[in-house]
């Protein structure tokens, strides 16, 4: 079960990692075989499913995204807590965004699903 302390710490660390543009720091939140889905994956990674699996695949995608958006900055709006997941609602380069994170027993992300306002 996820508690408020973990959720808040994860949210602040995750936002800080992205705002630092430090890919190693960002990837430190994730398990080796985690899965990521995002509508943007279709565009930047040329992956029709919108899904990537594993740190190597996602790392290449995020490196490309960071290079294309050198001014990328996220502002955390709120943290929503589930049973084994957290949703971060934030303002980013694409406007309002929500990302759902599912965790393993080591508190590493095993699956992340990104959503963007249209």
PDB file of N, CA and C in Angstrom:
ATOM      1  N   UNK A   1       0.850  -1.182   0.000  1.00  0.00           N
ATOM      2  CA  UNK A   1       0.000   0.000   0.000  1.00  0.00           C
ATOM      3  C   UNK A   1       0.892   1.241   0.000  1.00  0.00           C
ATOM      4  N   UNK A   2       0.532   2.194  -0.786  1.00  0.00           N
ATOM      5  CA  UNK A   2       1.314   3.428  -0.884  1.00  0.00           C
ATOM      6  C   UNK A   2       0.805   4.433   0.144  1.00  0.00           C
ATOM      7  N   UNK A   3       1.738   5.046   0.852  1.00  0.00           N
ATOM      8  CA  UNK A   3       1.321   6.057   1.828  1.00  0.00           C
ATOM      9  C   UNK A   3       1.675   7.455   1.328  1.00  0.00           C
ATOM     10  N   UNK A   4       1.142   8.451   2.006  1.00  0.00           N
ATOM     11  CA  UNK A   4       1.319   9.844   1.602  1.00  0.00           C
ATOM     12  C   UNK A   4       2.788  10.265   1.609  1.00  0.00           C
ATOM     13  N   UNK A   5       3.546   9.829   2.604  1.00  0.00           N
ATOM     14  CA  UNK A   5       4.965  10.206   2.677  1.00  0.00           C
ATOM     15  C   UNK A   5       5.726   9.715   1.449  1.00  0.00           C
ATOM     16  N   UNK A   6       5.528   8.433   1.096  1.00  0.00           N
ATOM     17  CA  UNK A   6       6.201   7.907  -0.090  1.00  0.00           C
ATOM     18  C   UNK A   6       5.740   8.641  -1.341  1.00  0.00           C
ATOM     19  N   UNK A   7       4.433   8.842  -1.469  1.00  0.00           N
ATOM     20  CA  UNK A   7       3.890   9.503  -2.663  1.00  0.00           C
ATOM     21  C   UNK A   7       4.457  10.907  -2.828  1.00  0.00           C
ATOM     22  N   UNK A   8       4.481  11.666  -1.755  1.00  0.00           N
ATOM     23  CA  UNK A   8       5.007  13.031  -1.832  1.00  0.00           C
ATOM     24  C   UNK A   8       6.501  13.043  -2.137  1.00  0.00           C
ATOM     25  N   UNK A   9       7.250  12.146  -1.495  1.00  0.00           N
ATOM     26  CA  UNK A   9       8.703  12.073  -1.744  1.00  0.00           C
ATOM     27  C   UNK A   9       8.968  11.680  -3.193  1.00  0.00           C
ATOM     28  N   UNK A  10       8.262  10.655  -3.684  1.00  0.00           N
ATOM     29  CA  UNK A  10       8.438  10.238  -5.071  1.00  0.00           C
ATOM     30  C   UNK A  10       8.116  11.389  -6.017  1.00  0.00           C
ATOM     31  N   UNK A  11       6.987  12.048  -5.793  1.00  0.00           N
ATOM     32  CA  UNK A  11       6.552  13.136  -6.680  1.00  0.00           C
ATOM     33  C   UNK A  11       7.599  14.245  -6.747  1.00  0.00           C
ATOM     34  N   UNK A  12       8.076  14.681  -5.600  1.00  0.00           N
ATOM     35  CA  UNK A  12       9.060  15.768  -5.574  1.00  0.00           C
ATOM     36  C   UNK A  12      10.383  15.353  -6.197  1.00  0.00           C
ATOM     37  N   UNK A  13      10.818  14.109  -5.926  1.00  0.00           N
ATOM     38  CA  UNK A  13      12.065  13.613  -6.526  1.00  0.00           C
ATOM     39  C   UNK A  13      11.931  13.469  -8.038  1.00  0.00           C
ATOM     40  N   UNK A  14      10.785  12.968  -8.489  1.00  0.00           N
ATOM     41  CA  UNK A  14      10.560  12.754  -9.919  1.00  0.00           C
ATOM     42  C   UNK A  14      10.544  14.087 -10.668  1.00  0.00           C
ATOM     43  N   UNK A  15       9.813  15.053 -10.138  1.00  0.00           N
ATOM     44  CA  UNK A  15       9.756  16.391 -10.751  1.00  0.00           C
ATOM     45  C   UNK A  15      11.149  17.018 -10.789  1.00  0.00           C
ATOM     46  N   UNK A  16      11.877  16.936  -9.680  1.00  0.00           N
ATOM     47  CA  UNK A  16      13.237  17.509  -9.613  1.00  0.00           C
ATOM     48  C   UNK A  16      14.159  16.830 -10.624  1.00  0.00           C
ATOM     49  N   UNK A  17      14.051  15.517 -10.763  1.00  0.00           N
ATOM     50  CA  UNK A  17      14.897  14.794 -11.723  1.00  0.00           C
ATOM     51  C   UNK A  17      14.625  15.271 -13.145  1.00  0.00           C
ATOM     52  N   UNK A  18      13.356  15.367 -13.507  1.00  0.00           N
ATOM     53  CA  UNK A  18      13.028  15.846 -14.853  1.00  0.00           C
ATOM     54  C   UNK A  18      13.484  17.290 -15.060  1.00  0.00           C
ATOM     55  N   UNK A  19      13.285  18.130 -14.065  1.00  0.00           N
ATOM     56  CA  UNK A  19      13.686  19.534 -14.209  1.00  0.00           C
ATOM     57  C   UNK A  19      15.198  19.700 -14.262  1.00  0.00           C
ATOM     58  N   UNK A  20      15.949  18.722 -13.768  1.00  0.00           N
ATOM     59  CA  UNK A  20      17.413  18.767 -13.851  1.00  0.00           C
ATOM     60  C   UNK A  20      17.907  18.310 -15.223  1.00  0.00           C
ATOM     61  N   UNK A  21      17.045  17.629 -15.982  1.00  0.00           N
ATOM     62  CA  UNK A  21      17.392  17.059 -17.292  1.00  0.00           C
ATOM     63  C   UNK A  21      18.476  15.991 -17.182  1.00  0.00           C
ATOM     64  N   UNK A  22      18.643  15.404 -16.009  1.00  0.00           N
ATOM     65  CA  UNK A  22      19.647  14.365 -15.761  1.00  0.00           C
ATOM     66  C   UNK A  22      18.996  13.006 -16.016  1.00  0.00           C
ATOM     67  N   UNK A  23      19.275  12.416 -17.170  1.00  0.00           N
ATOM     68  CA  UNK A  23      18.620  11.182 -17.575  1.00  0.00           C
ATOM     69  C   UNK A  23      18.892  10.041 -16.598  1.00  0.00           C
ATOM     70  N   UNK A  24      20.098   9.934 -16.077  1.00  0.00           N
ATOM     71  CA  UNK A  24      20.407   8.875 -15.105  1.00  0.00           C
ATOM     72  C   UNK A  24      19.575   9.045 -13.837  1.00  0.00           C
ATOM     73  N   UNK A  25      19.409  10.269 -13.396  1.00  0.00           N
ATOM     74  CA  UNK A  25      18.596  10.551 -12.216  1.00  0.00           C
ATOM     75  C   UNK A  25      17.124  10.205 -12.477  1.00  0.00           C
ATOM     76  N   UNK A  26      16.647  10.553 -13.656  1.00  0.00           N
ATOM     77  CA  UNK A  26      15.268  10.228 -14.036  1.00  0.00           C
ATOM     78  C   UNK A  26      15.068   8.715 -14.035  1.00  0.00           C
ATOM     79  N   UNK A  27      15.958   7.997 -14.706  1.00  0.00           N
ATOM     80  CA  UNK A  27      15.831   6.545 -14.839  1.00  0.00           C
ATOM     81  C   UNK A  27      15.978   5.811 -13.509  1.00  0.00           C
ATOM     82  N   UNK A  28      16.576   6.443 -12.516  1.00  0.00           N
ATOM     83  CA  UNK A  28      16.748   5.837 -11.202  1.00  0.00           C
ATOM     84  C   UNK A  28      15.443   5.509 -10.508  1.00  0.00           C
ATOM     85  N   UNK A  29      14.339   6.063 -10.966  1.00  0.00           N
ATOM     86  CA  UNK A  29      13.030   5.794 -10.368  1.00  0.00           C
ATOM     87  C   UNK A  29      12.388   4.509 -10.887  1.00  0.00           C
ATOM     88  N   UNK A  30      12.985   3.893 -11.897  1.00  0.00           N
ATOM     89  CA  UNK A  30      12.337   2.823 -12.641  1.00  0.00           C
ATOM     90  C   UNK A  30      13.056   1.482 -12.516  1.00  0.00           C
ATOM     91  N   UNK A  31      12.279   0.393 -12.532  1.00  0.00           N
ATOM     92  CA  UNK A  31      12.824  -0.957 -12.602  1.00  0.00           C
ATOM     93  C   UNK A  31      13.385  -1.180 -14.010  1.00  0.00           C
ATOM     94  N   UNK A  32      14.297  -2.120 -14.142  1.00  0.00           N
ATOM     95  CA  UNK A  32      14.959  -2.372 -15.434  1.00  0.00           C
ATOM     96  C   UNK A  32      13.974  -2.677 -16.559  1.00  0.00           C
ATOM     97  N   UNK A  33      12.943  -3.435 -16.272  1.00  0.00           N
ATOM     98  CA  UNK A  33      12.037  -3.884 -17.330  1.00  0.00           C
ATOM     99  C   UNK A  33      10.716  -3.114 -17.348  1.00  0.00           C
ATOM    100  N   UNK A  34      10.715  -1.898 -16.832  1.00  0.00           N
ATOM    101  CA  UNK A  34       9.454  -1.169 -16.756  1.00  0.00           C
ATOM    102  C   UNK A  34       8.888  -0.885 -18.142  1.00  0.00           C
ATOM    103  N   UNK A  35       7.574  -0.685 -18.141  1.00  0.00           N
ATOM    104  CA  UNK A  35       6.854  -0.375 -19.383  1.00  0.00           C
ATOM    105  C   UNK A  35       6.342   1.049 -19.325  1.00  0.00           C
ATOM    106  N   UNK A  36       6.403   1.721 -20.453  1.00  0.00           N
ATOM    107  CA  UNK A  36       5.968   3.114 -20.560  1.00  0.00           C
ATOM    108  C   UNK A  36       5.010   3.219 -21.736  1.00  0.00           C
ATOM    109  N   UNK A  37       3.895   3.911 -21.525  1.00  0.00           N
ATOM    110  CA  UNK A  37       3.013   4.211 -22.653  1.00  0.00           C
ATOM    111  C   UNK A  37       2.689   5.691 -22.650  1.00  0.00           C
ATOM    112  N   UNK A  38       2.660   6.241 -23.848  1.00  0.00           N
ATOM    113  CA  UNK A  38       2.412   7.669 -24.030  1.00  0.00           C
ATOM    114  C   UNK A  38       2.044   7.919 -25.486  1.00  0.00           C
ATOM    115  N   UNK A  39       1.114   8.832 -25.726  1.00  0.00           N
ATOM    116  CA  UNK A  39       0.808   9.177 -27.115  1.00  0.00           C
ATOM    117  C   UNK A  39       2.018   9.770 -27.843  1.00  0.00           C
ATOM    118  N   UNK A  40       2.928  10.348 -27.118  1.00  0.00           N
ATOM    119  CA  UNK A  40       4.113  10.987 -27.719  1.00  0.00           C
ATOM    120  C   UNK A  40       5.111   9.945 -28.225  1.00  0.00           C
ATOM    121  N   UNK A  41       5.088   8.747 -27.649  1.00  0.00           N
ATOM    122  CA  UNK A  41       5.978   7.673 -28.120  1.00  0.00           C
ATOM    123  C   UNK A  41       5.733   7.387 -29.592  1.00  0.00           C
ATOM    124  N   UNK A  42       4.483   7.474 -30.025  1.00  0.00           N
ATOM    125  CA  UNK A  42       4.161   7.244 -31.440  1.00  0.00           C
ATOM    126  C   UNK A  42       4.943   8.200 -32.331  1.00  0.00           C
ATOM    127  N   UNK A  43       5.065   9.456 -31.897  1.00  0.00           N
ATOM    128  CA  UNK A  43       5.734  10.479 -32.703  1.00  0.00           C
ATOM    129  C   UNK A  43       7.255  10.405 -32.590  1.00  0.00           C
ATOM    130  N   UNK A  44       7.765  10.444 -31.362  1.00  0.00           N
ATOM    131  CA  UNK A  44       9.210  10.561 -31.168  1.00  0.00           C
ATOM    132  C   UNK A  44       9.969   9.247 -31.352  1.00  0.00           C
ATOM    133  N   UNK A  45       9.351   8.143 -30.987  1.00  0.00           N
ATOM    134  CA  UNK A  45      10.041   6.853 -31.080  1.00  0.00           C
ATOM    135  C   UNK A  45       9.584   6.054 -32.299  1.00  0.00           C
ATOM    136  N   UNK A  46       8.660   6.622 -33.075  1.00  0.00           N
ATOM    137  CA  UNK A  46       8.131   5.943 -34.256  1.00  0.00           C
ATOM    138  C   UNK A  46       7.642   4.534 -33.908  1.00  0.00           C
ATOM    139  N   UNK A  47       6.927   4.456 -32.777  1.00  0.00           N
ATOM    140  CA  UNK A  47       6.384   3.183 -32.297  1.00  0.00           C
ATOM    141  C   UNK A  47       4.866   3.279 -32.315  1.00  0.00           C
ATOM    142  N   UNK A  48       4.213   2.619 -33.298  1.00  0.00           N
ATOM    143  CA  UNK A  48       2.762   2.761 -33.473  1.00  0.00           C
ATOM    144  C   UNK A  48       1.926   2.381 -32.248  1.00  0.00           C
ATOM    145  N   UNK A  49       2.426   1.474 -31.421  1.00  0.00           N
ATOM    146  CA  UNK A  49       1.661   1.047 -30.247  1.00  0.00           C
ATOM    147  C   UNK A  49       1.632   2.113 -29.154  1.00  0.00           C
ATOM    148  N   UNK A  50       2.577   3.060 -29.203  1.00  0.00           N
ATOM    149  CA  UNK A  50       2.678   4.061 -28.143  1.00  0.00           C
ATOM    150  C   UNK A  50       3.265   3.511 -26.867  1.00  0.00           C
ATOM    151  N   UNK A  51       3.900   2.321 -26.950  1.00  0.00           N
ATOM    152  CA  UNK A  51       4.442   1.658 -25.758  1.00  0.00           C
ATOM    153  C   UNK A  51       5.896   1.266 -25.977  1.00  0.00           C
ATOM    154  N   UNK A  52       6.676   1.371 -24.895  1.00  0.00           N
ATOM    155  CA  UNK A  52       8.063   0.926 -24.894  1.00  0.00           C
ATOM    156  C   UNK A  52       8.282   0.088 -23.644  1.00  0.00           C
ATOM    157  N   UNK A  53       9.230  -0.839 -23.724  1.00  0.00           N
ATOM    158  CA  UNK A  53       9.532  -1.677 -22.568  1.00  0.00           C
ATOM    159  C   UNK A  53      11.032  -1.728 -22.334  1.00  0.00           C
ATOM    160  N   UNK A  54      11.437  -1.524 -21.080  1.00  0.00           N
ATOM    161  CA  UNK A  54      12.835  -1.615 -20.677  1.00  0.00           C
ATOM    162  C   UNK A  54      13.533  -0.264 -20.670  1.00  0.00           C
ATOM    163  N   UNK A  55      14.508  -0.153 -19.773  1.00  0.00           N
ATOM    164  CA  UNK A  55      15.230   1.113 -19.621  1.00  0.00           C
ATOM    165  C   UNK A  55      15.964   1.536 -20.889  1.00  0.00           C
ATOM    166  N   UNK A  56      16.509   0.584 -21.632  1.00  0.00           N
ATOM    167  CA  UNK A  56      17.251   0.962 -22.840  1.00  0.00           C
ATOM    168  C   UNK A  56      16.347   1.643 -23.854  1.00  0.00           C
ATOM    169  N   UNK A  57      15.188   1.072 -24.110  1.00  0.00           N
ATOM    170  CA  UNK A  57      14.266   1.647 -25.096  1.00  0.00           C
ATOM    171  C   UNK A  57      13.736   2.997 -24.616  1.00  0.00           C
ATOM    172  N   UNK A  58      13.343   3.076 -23.358  1.00  0.00           N
ATOM    173  CA  UNK A  58      12.784   4.318 -22.842  1.00  0.00           C
ATOM    174  C   UNK A  58      13.868   5.385 -22.713  1.00  0.00           C
ATOM    175  N   UNK A  59      15.073   4.977 -22.356  1.00  0.00           N
ATOM    176  CA  UNK A  59      16.183   5.926 -22.246  1.00  0.00           C
ATOM    177  C   UNK A  59      16.445   6.624 -23.580  1.00  0.00           C
ATOM    178  N   UNK A  60      16.451   5.878 -24.660  1.00  0.00           N
ATOM    179  CA  UNK A  60      16.669   6.472 -25.986  1.00  0.00           C
ATOM    180  C   UNK A  60      15.555   7.455 -26.329  1.00  0.00           C
ATOM    181  N   UNK A  61      14.328   7.083 -26.017  1.00  0.00           N
ATOM    182  CA  UNK A  61      13.169   7.950 -26.262  1.00  0.00           C
ATOM    183  C   UNK A  61      13.270   9.235 -25.441  1.00  0.00           C
ATOM    184  N   UNK A  62      13.560   9.100 -24.138  1.00  0.00           N
ATOM    185  CA  UNK A  62      13.646  10.289 -23.292  1.00  0.00           C
ATOM    186  C   UNK A  62      14.851  11.162 -23.645  1.00  0.00           C
ATOM    187  N   UNK A  63      15.956  10.568 -24.056  1.00  0.00           N
ATOM    188  CA  UNK A  63      17.118  11.360 -24.474  1.00  0.00           C
ATOM    189  C   UNK A  63      16.748  12.227 -25.676  1.00  0.00           C
ATOM    190  N   UNK A  64      16.012  11.659 -26.600  1.00  0.00           N
ATOM    191  CA  UNK A  64      15.563  12.410 -27.771  1.00  0.00           C
ATOM    192  C   UNK A  64      14.615  13.535 -27.359  1.00  0.00           C
ATOM    193  N   UNK A  65      13.684  13.227 -26.462  1.00  0.00           N
ATOM    194  CA  UNK A  65      12.727  14.237 -25.999  1.00  0.00           C
ATOM    195  C   UNK A  65      13.443  15.389 -25.279  1.00  0.00           C
ATOM    196  N   UNK A  66      14.397  15.067 -24.431  1.00  0.00           N
ATOM    197  CA  UNK A  66      15.140  16.111 -23.713  1.00  0.00           C
ATOM    198  C   UNK A  66      15.950  16.977 -24.676  1.00  0.00           C
ATOM    199  N   UNK A  67      16.513  16.370 -25.713  1.00  0.00           N
ATOM    200  CA  UNK A  67      17.279  17.134 -26.700  1.00  0.00           C
ATOM    201  C   UNK A  67      16.372  18.068 -27.495  1.00  0.00           C
ATOM    202  N   UNK A  68      15.159  17.626 -27.778  1.00  0.00           N
ATOM    203  CA  UNK A  68      14.221  18.445 -28.546  1.00  0.00           C
ATOM    204  C   UNK A  68      13.591  19.564 -27.717  1.00  0.00           C
ATOM    205  N   UNK A  69      13.592  19.404 -26.391  1.00  0.00           N
ATOM    206  CA  UNK A  69      12.960  20.393 -25.505  1.00  0.00           C
ATOM    207  C   UNK A  69      13.931  20.818 -24.406  1.00  0.00           C
ATOM    208  N   UNK A  70      14.937  21.614 -24.757  1.00  0.00           N
ATOM    209  CA  UNK A  70      15.954  21.991 -23.762  1.00  0.00           C
ATOM    210  C   UNK A  70      15.404  22.826 -22.605  1.00  0.00           C
ATOM    211  N   UNK A  71      14.245  23.441 -22.778  1.00  0.00           N
ATOM    212  CA  UNK A  71      13.646  24.240 -21.717  1.00  0.00           C
ATOM    213  C   UNK A  71      12.559  23.478 -20.957  1.00  0.00           C
ATOM    214  N   UNK A  72      12.511  22.160 -21.119  1.00  0.00           N
ATOM    215  CA  UNK A  72      11.490  21.352 -20.471  1.00  0.00           C
ATOM    216  C   UNK A  72      11.473  21.612 -18.962  1.00  0.00           C
ATOM    217  N   UNK A  73      10.279  21.861 -18.444  1.00  0.00           N
ATOM    218  CA  UNK A  73      10.115  22.101 -17.012  1.00  0.00           C
ATOM    219  C   UNK A  73       8.728  21.636 -16.600  1.00  0.00           C
ATOM    220  N   UNK A  74       8.662  20.922 -15.479  1.00  0.00           N
ATOM    221  CA  UNK A  74       7.396  20.446 -14.946  1.00  0.00           C
ATOM    222  C   UNK A  74       7.080  21.177 -13.649  1.00  0.00           C
ATOM    223  N   UNK A  75       5.810  21.528 -13.468  1.00  0.00           N
ATOM    224  CA  UNK A  75       5.308  22.101 -12.217  1.00  0.00           C
ATOM    225  C   UNK A  75       4.259  21.153 -11.662  1.00  0.00           C
ATOM    226  N   UNK A  76       4.537  20.583 -10.499  1.00  0.00           N
ATOM    227  CA  UNK A  76       3.619  19.644  -9.870  1.00  0.00           C
ATOM    228  C   UNK A  76       2.388  20.378  -9.361  1.00  0.00           C
ATOM    229  N   UNK A  77       1.210  19.865  -9.719  1.00  0.00           N
ATOM    230  CA  UNK A  77      -0.047  20.455  -9.256  1.00  0.00           C
ATOM    231  C   UNK A  77      -0.625  19.672  -8.089  1.00  0.00           C
ATOM    232  N   UNK A  78      -0.642  18.341  -8.200  1.00  0.00           N
ATOM    233  CA  UNK A  78      -1.129  17.524  -7.093  1.00  0.00           C
ATOM    234  C   UNK A  78      -0.688  16.077  -7.278  1.00  0.00           C
ATOM    235  N   UNK A  79      -0.778  15.328  -6.180  1.00  0.00           N
ATOM    236  CA  UNK A  79      -0.429  13.908  -6.158  1.00  0.00           C
ATOM    237  C   UNK A  79      -1.673  13.135  -5.735  1.00  0.00           C
ATOM    238  N   UNK A  80      -2.039  12.122  -6.522  1.00  0.00           N
ATOM    239  CA  UNK A  80      -3.176  11.262  -6.209  1.00  0.00           C
ATOM    240  C   UNK A  80      -2.640   9.875  -5.853  1.00  0.00           C
ATOM    241  N   UNK A  81      -3.149   9.296  -4.776  1.00  0.00           N
ATOM    242  CA  UNK A  81      -2.625   8.034  -4.272  1.00  0.00           C
ATOM    243  C   UNK A  81      -3.633   6.909  -4.500  1.00  0.00           C
ATOM    244  N   UNK A  82      -3.138   5.803  -5.070  1.00  0.00           N
ATOM    245  CA  UNK A  82      -3.942   4.607  -5.243  1.00  0.00           C
ATOM    246  C   UNK A  82      -3.413   3.494  -4.353  1.00  0.00           C
ATOM    247  N   UNK A  83      -3.853   2.259  -4.602  1.00  0.00           N
ATOM    248  CA  UNK A  83      -3.417   1.119  -3.801  1.00  0.00           C
ATOM    249  C   UNK A  83      -1.948   0.812  -4.068  1.00  0.00           C
ATOM    250  N   UNK A  84      -1.599   0.594  -5.327  1.00  0.00           N
ATOM    251  CA  UNK A  84      -0.207   0.320  -5.703  1.00  0.00           C
ATOM    252  C   UNK A  84       0.269   1.287  -6.776  1.00  0.00           C
ATOM    253  N   UNK A  85      -0.354   2.452  -6.813  1.00  0.00           N
ATOM    254  CA  UNK A  85      -0.014   3.431  -7.840  1.00  0.00           C
ATOM    255  C   UNK A  85      -0.142   4.857  -7.321  1.00  0.00           C
ATOM    256  N   UNK A  86       0.491   5.734  -8.059  1.00  0.00           N
ATOM    257  CA  UNK A  86       0.433   7.176  -7.793  1.00  0.00           C
ATOM    258  C   UNK A  86       0.151   7.847  -9.128  1.00  0.00           C
ATOM    259  N   UNK A  87      -0.671   8.869  -9.116  1.00  0.00           N
ATOM    260  CA  UNK A  87      -0.872   9.697 -10.298  1.00  0.00           C
ATOM    261  C   UNK A  87      -0.346  11.084  -9.984  1.00  0.00           C
ATOM    262  N   UNK A  88       0.546  11.562 -10.828  1.00  0.00           N
ATOM    263  CA  UNK A  88       1.037  12.933 -10.712  1.00  0.00           C
ATOM    264  C   UNK A  88       0.307  13.781 -11.739  1.00  0.00           C
ATOM    265  N   UNK A  89      -0.267  14.853 -11.270  1.00  0.00           N
ATOM    266  CA  UNK A  89      -0.943  15.810 -12.139  1.00  0.00           C
ATOM    267  C   UNK A  89      -0.041  17.033 -12.159  1.00  0.00           C
ATOM    268  N   UNK A  90       0.430  17.398 -13.349  1.00  0.00           N
ATOM    269  CA  UNK A  90       1.420  18.465 -13.441  1.00  0.00           C
ATOM    270  C   UNK A  90       1.235  19.262 -14.726  1.00  0.00           C
ATOM    271  N   UNK A  91       1.879  20.414 -14.745  1.00  0.00           N
ATOM    272  CA  UNK A  91       1.908  21.237 -15.945  1.00  0.00           C
ATOM    273  C   UNK A  91       3.285  21.076 -16.564  1.00  0.00           C
ATOM    274  N   UNK A  92       3.293  20.738 -17.851  1.00  0.00           N
ATOM    275  CA  UNK A  92       4.552  20.521 -18.549  1.00  0.00           C
ATOM    276  C   UNK A  92       4.565  21.231 -19.881  1.00  0.00           C
ATOM    277  N   UNK A  93       5.463  20.810 -20.731  1.00  0.00           N
ATOM    278  CA  UNK A  93       5.638  21.432 -22.044  1.00  0.00           C
ATOM    279  C   UNK A  93       4.391  21.298 -22.915  1.00  0.00           C
ATOM    280  N   UNK A  94       3.602  20.269 -22.682  1.00  0.00           N
ATOM    281  CA  UNK A  94       2.391  20.033 -23.474  1.00  0.00           C
ATOM    282  C   UNK A  94       1.137  20.492 -22.738  1.00  0.00           C
ATOM    283  N   UNK A  95       1.306  21.289 -21.709  1.00  0.00           N
ATOM    284  CA  UNK A  95       0.164  21.760 -20.929  1.00  0.00           C
ATOM    285  C   UNK A  95      -0.108  20.831 -19.767  1.00  0.00           C
ATOM    286  N   UNK A  96      -1.380  20.650 -19.436  1.00  0.00           N
ATOM    287  CA  UNK A  96      -1.751  19.798 -18.318  1.00  0.00           C
ATOM    288  C   UNK A  96      -1.498  18.338 -18.662  1.00  0.00           C
ATOM    289  N   UNK A  97      -0.892  17.631 -17.700  1.00  0.00           N
ATOM    290  CA  UNK A  97      -0.521  16.235 -17.903  1.00  0.00           C
ATOM    291  C   UNK A  97      -0.808  15.448 -16.635  1.00  0.00           C
ATOM    292  N   UNK A  98      -1.077  14.171 -16.815  1.00  0.00           N
ATOM    293  CA  UNK A  98      -1.218  13.251 -15.690  1.00  0.00           C
ATOM    294  C   UNK A  98      -0.452  11.991 -16.042  1.00  0.00           C
ATOM    295  N   UNK A  99       0.301  11.498 -15.077  1.00  0.00           N
ATOM    296  CA  UNK A  99       1.054  10.275 -15.305  1.00  0.00           C
ATOM    297  C   UNK A  99       0.785   9.337 -14.143  1.00  0.00           C
ATOM    298  N   UNK A 100       0.417   8.104 -14.483  1.00  0.00           N
ATOM    299  CA  UNK A 100       0.119   7.086 -13.488  1.00  0.00           C
ATOM    300  C   UNK A 100       1.328   6.160 -13.393  1.00  0.00           C
ATOM    301  N   UNK A 101       1.790   5.926 -12.163  1.00  0.00           N
ATOM    302  CA  UNK A 101       2.960   5.090 -11.900  1.00  0.00           C
ATOM    303  C   UNK A 101       2.545   3.892 -11.054  1.00  0.00           C
ATOM    304  N   UNK A 102       2.921   2.687 -11.482  1.00  0.00           N
ATOM    305  CA  UNK A 102       2.688   1.464 -10.729  1.00  0.00           C
ATOM    306  C   UNK A 102       4.036   0.977 -10.207  1.00  0.00           C
ATOM    307  N   UNK A 103       4.063   0.501  -8.953  1.00  0.00           N
ATOM    308  CA  UNK A 103       5.318   0.207  -8.268  1.00  0.00           C
ATOM    309  C   UNK A 103       5.469  -1.264  -7.917  1.00  0.00           C
ATOM    310  N   UNK A 104       6.742  -1.715  -7.862  1.00  0.00           N
ATOM    311  CA  UNK A 104       7.047  -3.056  -7.376  1.00  0.00           C
ATOM    312  C   UNK A 104       7.315  -2.981  -5.867  1.00  0.00           C
ATOM    313  N   UNK A 105       7.718  -4.094  -5.283  1.00  0.00           N
ATOM    314  CA  UNK A 105       7.983  -4.145  -3.837  1.00  0.00           C
ATOM    315  C   UNK A 105       9.201  -3.342  -3.419  1.00  0.00           C
ATOM    316  N   UNK A 106      10.056  -2.977  -4.372  1.00  0.00           N
ATOM    317  CA  UNK A 106      11.245  -2.168  -4.092  1.00  0.00           C
ATOM    318  C   UNK A 106      10.992  -0.681  -4.302  1.00  0.00           C
ATOM    319  N   UNK A 107       9.743  -0.326  -4.503  1.00  0.00           N
ATOM    320  CA  UNK A 107       9.319   1.057  -4.735  1.00  0.00           C
ATOM    321  C   UNK A 107       9.926   1.650  -6.009  1.00  0.00           C
ATOM    322  N   UNK A 108      10.122   0.785  -6.992  1.00  0.00           N
ATOM    323  CA  UNK A 108      10.556   1.210  -8.322  1.00  0.00           C
ATOM    324  C   UNK A 108       9.353   1.129  -9.256  1.00  0.00           C
ATOM    325  N   UNK A 109       9.296   2.021 -10.218  1.00  0.00           N
ATOM    326  CA  UNK A 109       8.196   2.034 -11.172  1.00  0.00           C
ATOM    327  C   UNK A 109       8.334   0.852 -12.124  1.00  0.00           C
ATOM    328  N   UNK A 110       7.240   0.077 -12.245  1.00  0.00           N
ATOM    329  CA  UNK A 110       7.237  -1.046 -13.191  1.00  0.00           C
ATOM    330  C   UNK A 110       6.386  -0.739 -14.421  1.00  0.00           C
ATOM    331  N   UNK A 111       5.523   0.260 -14.283  1.00  0.00           N
ATOM    332  CA  UNK A 111       4.699   0.670 -15.416  1.00  0.00           C
ATOM    333  C   UNK A 111       4.316   2.136 -15.224  1.00  0.00           C
ATOM    334  N   UNK A 112       4.371   2.892 -16.311  1.00  0.00           N
ATOM    335  CA  UNK A 112       3.972   4.292 -16.283  1.00  0.00           C
ATOM    336  C   UNK A 112       3.103   4.574 -17.507  1.00  0.00           C
ATOM    337  N   UNK A 113       2.034   5.318 -17.281  1.00  0.00           N
ATOM    338  CA  UNK A 113       1.093   5.650 -18.353  1.00  0.00           C
ATOM    339  C   UNK A 113       0.889   7.150 -18.344  1.00  0.00           C
ATOM    340  N   UNK A 114       1.274   7.817 -19.429  1.00  0.00           N
ATOM    341  CA  UNK A 114       1.184   9.279 -19.524  1.00  0.00           C
ATOM    342  C   UNK A 114      -0.072   9.693 -20.270  1.00  0.00           C
ATOM    343  N   UNK A 115      -0.670  10.777 -19.793  1.00  0.00           N
ATOM    344  CA  UNK A 115      -1.878  11.351 -20.401  1.00  0.00           C
ATOM    345  C   UNK A 115      -1.664  12.858 -20.540  1.00  0.00           C
ATOM    346  N   UNK A 116      -2.151  13.413 -21.644  1.00  0.00           N
ATOM    347  CA  UNK A 116      -1.987  14.841 -21.907  1.00  0.00           C
ATOM    348  C   UNK A 116      -3.311  15.478 -22.287  1.00  0.00           C
ATOM    349  N   UNK A 117      -3.527  16.712 -21.853  1.00  0.00           N
ATOM    350  CA  UNK A 117      -4.718  17.442 -22.253  1.00  0.00           C
ATOM    351  C   UNK A 117      -4.621  17.737 -23.749  1.00  0.00           C
ATOM    352  N   UNK A 118      -5.728  17.649 -24.424  1.00  0.00           N
ATOM    353  CA  UNK A 118      -5.692  17.901 -25.875  1.00  0.00           C
ATOM    354  C   UNK A 118      -6.070  19.327 -26.178  1.00  0.00           C
TER     355      UNK A 118
END
